Amino acid sequence: MDEAGVLAYISPQYRTGTLTKAGIAEQLRTVFAIHDQVKARVRIDDVRMVGELAWVYSTGEVTGRLRWVGGSVPVLSWQRELEVARLENGRWRLFGYQQ
């Protein structure tokens, strides 16, 4: 896994509820510790600009191939979930809801 590459798309100030960028990094490491292959399919359903923030609604699923078993299993799925992004230093990054 290219952890640094994936996390580059997440703002250092990311927060949704209690989830932070550090928490996302931990979740990624855990998923890749038990799966030797991970695939994500994401569809962008809608994007709305609210001030300088992009409200991105998406639907998708993540599947993983279990390292010791070899079978593919669902890891996560969602429908029309909201994620908030903002432009930081010329790049769009996930920013979270900031509750």
C-alpha atoms as a PDB file:
ATOM      1  CA  MET A   1       0.000   0.000   0.000  1.00  0.00           C
ATOM      2  CA  ASP A   2       1.156   3.506  -0.787  1.00  0.00           C
ATOM      3  CA  GLU A   3       0.113   4.908   2.588  1.00  0.00           C
ATOM      4  CA  ALA A   4       1.734   8.312   2.031  1.00  0.00           C
ATOM      5  CA  GLY A   5       0.126   8.582  -1.411  1.00  0.00           C
ATOM      6  CA  VAL A   6      -3.345   7.790  -0.083  1.00  0.00           C
ATOM      7  CA  LEU A   7      -3.002  10.078   2.934  1.00  0.00           C
ATOM      8  CA  ALA A   8      -1.831  12.955   0.704  1.00  0.00           C
ATOM      9  CA  TYR A   9      -5.494  13.323  -0.316  1.00  0.00           C
ATOM     10  CA  ILE A  10      -6.547  13.920   3.298  1.00  0.00           C
ATOM     11  CA  SER A  11      -6.118  17.268   5.014  1.00  0.00           C
ATOM     12  CA  PRO A  12      -3.988  17.353   8.177  1.00  0.00           C
ATOM     13  CA  GLN A  13      -7.022  19.132   9.724  1.00  0.00           C
ATOM     14  CA  TYR A  14      -9.434  16.316   8.743  1.00  0.00           C
ATOM     15  CA  ARG A  15     -12.118  15.613  11.323  1.00  0.00           C
ATOM     16  CA  THR A  16     -15.481  13.870  11.102  1.00  0.00           C
ATOM     17  CA  GLY A  17     -16.829  13.214  14.575  1.00  0.00           C
ATOM     18  CA  THR A  18     -13.923  11.585  16.407  1.00  0.00           C
ATOM     19  CA  LEU A  19     -12.216  10.371  13.206  1.00  0.00           C
ATOM     20  CA  THR A  20      -9.007  12.210  12.276  1.00  0.00           C
ATOM     21  CA  LYS A  21      -6.312  11.747   9.640  1.00  0.00           C
ATOM     22  CA  ALA A  22      -4.329   9.644  12.139  1.00  0.00           C
ATOM     23  CA  GLY A  23      -7.388   7.432  12.655  1.00  0.00           C
ATOM     24  CA  ILE A  24      -7.783   6.942   8.913  1.00  0.00           C
ATOM     25  CA  ALA A  25      -4.098   5.956   8.668  1.00  0.00           C
ATOM     26  CA  GLU A  26      -4.614   3.370  11.410  1.00  0.00           C
ATOM     27  CA  GLN A  27      -7.700   1.960   9.670  1.00  0.00           C
ATOM     28  CA  LEU A  28      -5.787   1.649   6.381  1.00  0.00           C
ATOM     29  CA  ARG A  29      -2.910  -0.188   8.064  1.00  0.00           C
ATOM     30  CA  THR A  30      -5.373  -2.584   9.712  1.00  0.00           C
ATOM     31  CA  VAL A  31      -7.214  -3.326   6.459  1.00  0.00           C
ATOM     32  CA  PHE A  32      -3.942  -4.026   4.636  1.00  0.00           C
ATOM     33  CA  ALA A  33      -2.611  -6.151   7.503  1.00  0.00           C
ATOM     34  CA  ILE A  34      -5.374  -8.728   6.997  1.00  0.00           C
ATOM     35  CA  HIS A  35      -5.945  -8.360   3.230  1.00  0.00           C
ATOM     36  CA  ASP A  36      -3.260  -8.890   0.606  1.00  0.00           C
ATOM     37  CA  GLN A  37      -5.380  -7.197  -2.053  1.00  0.00           C
ATOM     38  CA  VAL A  38      -7.932  -4.398  -1.650  1.00  0.00           C
ATOM     39  CA  LYS A  39     -10.219  -2.992  -4.359  1.00  0.00           C
ATOM     40  CA  ALA A  40     -12.478   0.046  -4.161  1.00  0.00           C
ATOM     41  CA  ARG A  41     -15.289   1.009  -6.519  1.00  0.00           C
ATOM     42  CA  VAL A  42     -16.586   4.534  -6.004  1.00  0.00           C
ATOM     43  CA  ARG A  43     -19.251   6.454  -7.912  1.00  0.00           C
ATOM     44  CA  ILE A  44     -19.570  10.210  -7.404  1.00  0.00           C
ATOM     45  CA  ASP A  45     -23.310  10.885  -7.110  1.00  0.00           C
ATOM     46  CA  ASP A  46     -23.274  14.662  -6.688  1.00  0.00           C
ATOM     47  CA  VAL A  47     -20.956  17.553  -5.873  1.00  0.00           C
ATOM     48  CA  ARG A  48     -22.231  20.808  -4.394  1.00  0.00           C
ATOM     49  CA  MET A  49     -20.124  23.853  -3.682  1.00  0.00           C
ATOM     50  CA  VAL A  50     -20.950  25.405  -0.305  1.00  0.00           C
ATOM     51  CA  GLY A  51     -18.790  28.491  -0.016  1.00  0.00           C
ATOM     52  CA  GLU A  52     -15.243  27.263  -0.576  1.00  0.00           C
ATOM     53  CA  LEU A  53     -16.077  23.679   0.421  1.00  0.00           C
ATOM     54  CA  ALA A  54     -17.087  20.879  -1.945  1.00  0.00           C
ATOM     55  CA  TRP A  55     -19.774  18.598  -0.567  1.00  0.00           C
ATOM     56  CA  VAL A  56     -19.174  15.293  -2.363  1.00  0.00           C
ATOM     57  CA  TYR A  57     -21.825  12.569  -2.231  1.00  0.00           C
ATOM     58  CA  SER A  58     -20.648   9.100  -3.252  1.00  0.00           C
ATOM     59  CA  THR A  59     -21.690   5.456  -3.345  1.00  0.00           C
ATOM     60  CA  GLY A  60     -19.209   2.616  -3.282  1.00  0.00           C
ATOM     61  CA  GLU A  61     -17.776  -0.566  -1.913  1.00  0.00           C
ATOM     62  CA  VAL A  62     -14.418  -1.882  -0.778  1.00  0.00           C
ATOM     63  CA  THR A  63     -13.536  -5.570  -1.008  1.00  0.00           C
ATOM     64  CA  GLY A  64     -10.436  -7.350   0.194  1.00  0.00           C
ATOM     65  CA  ARG A  65      -8.791 -10.697  -0.398  1.00  0.00           C
ATOM     66  CA  LEU A  66      -8.016 -12.277   2.959  1.00  0.00           C
ATOM     67  CA  ARG A  67      -4.292 -12.858   3.316  1.00  0.00           C
ATOM     68  CA  TRP A  68      -4.501 -16.341   4.869  1.00  0.00           C
ATOM     69  CA  VAL A  69      -7.695 -17.617   3.255  1.00  0.00           C
ATOM     70  CA  GLY A  70      -7.511 -16.165  -0.233  1.00  0.00           C
ATOM     71  CA  GLY A  71     -11.225 -15.450  -0.576  1.00  0.00           C
ATOM     72  CA  SER A  72     -12.567 -12.006  -1.424  1.00  0.00           C
ATOM     73  CA  VAL A  73     -14.865 -10.454   1.197  1.00  0.00           C
ATOM     74  CA  PRO A  74     -16.707  -7.138   1.558  1.00  0.00           C
ATOM     75  CA  VAL A  75     -14.885  -4.676   3.810  1.00  0.00           C
ATOM     76  CA  LEU A  76     -17.102  -1.596   3.562  1.00  0.00           C
ATOM     77  CA  SER A  77     -20.001  -0.234   1.515  1.00  0.00           C
ATOM     78  CA  TRP A  78     -21.926   3.033   1.502  1.00  0.00           C
ATOM     79  CA  GLN A  79     -24.684   4.855  -0.401  1.00  0.00           C
ATOM     80  CA  ARG A  80     -24.862   8.602  -1.049  1.00  0.00           C
ATOM     81  CA  GLU A  81     -22.521   9.364   1.849  1.00  0.00           C
ATOM     82  CA  LEU A  82     -21.329  12.932   2.276  1.00  0.00           C
ATOM     83  CA  GLU A  83     -17.655  13.843   2.446  1.00  0.00           C
ATOM     84  CA  VAL A  84     -16.383  17.421   2.537  1.00  0.00           C
ATOM     85  CA  ALA A  85     -13.320  18.535   0.582  1.00  0.00           C
ATOM     86  CA  ARG A  86     -11.489  21.827   0.293  1.00  0.00           C
ATOM     87  CA  LEU A  87      -8.712  23.278  -1.811  1.00  0.00           C
ATOM     88  CA  GLU A  88      -5.384  23.346   0.061  1.00  0.00           C
ATOM     89  CA  ASN A  89      -2.235  24.620  -1.648  1.00  0.00           C
ATOM     90  CA  GLY A  90      -3.753  23.996  -5.077  1.00  0.00           C
ATOM     91  CA  ARG A  91      -4.945  20.417  -4.307  1.00  0.00           C
ATOM     92  CA  TRP A  92      -8.362  19.137  -3.295  1.00  0.00           C
ATOM     93  CA  ARG A  93      -8.185  17.262  -0.005  1.00  0.00           C
ATOM     94  CA  LEU A  94     -10.778  15.574   2.177  1.00  0.00           C
ATOM     95  CA  PHE A  95     -11.508  17.867   5.102  1.00  0.00           C
ATOM     96  CA  GLY A  96     -14.361  16.132   6.944  1.00  0.00           C
ATOM     97  CA  TYR A  97     -17.486  17.567   8.519  1.00  0.00           C
ATOM     98  CA  GLN A  98     -15.555  19.331  11.335  1.00  0.00           C
ATOM     99  CA  GLN A  99     -18.269  18.693  13.957  1.00  0.00           C
END
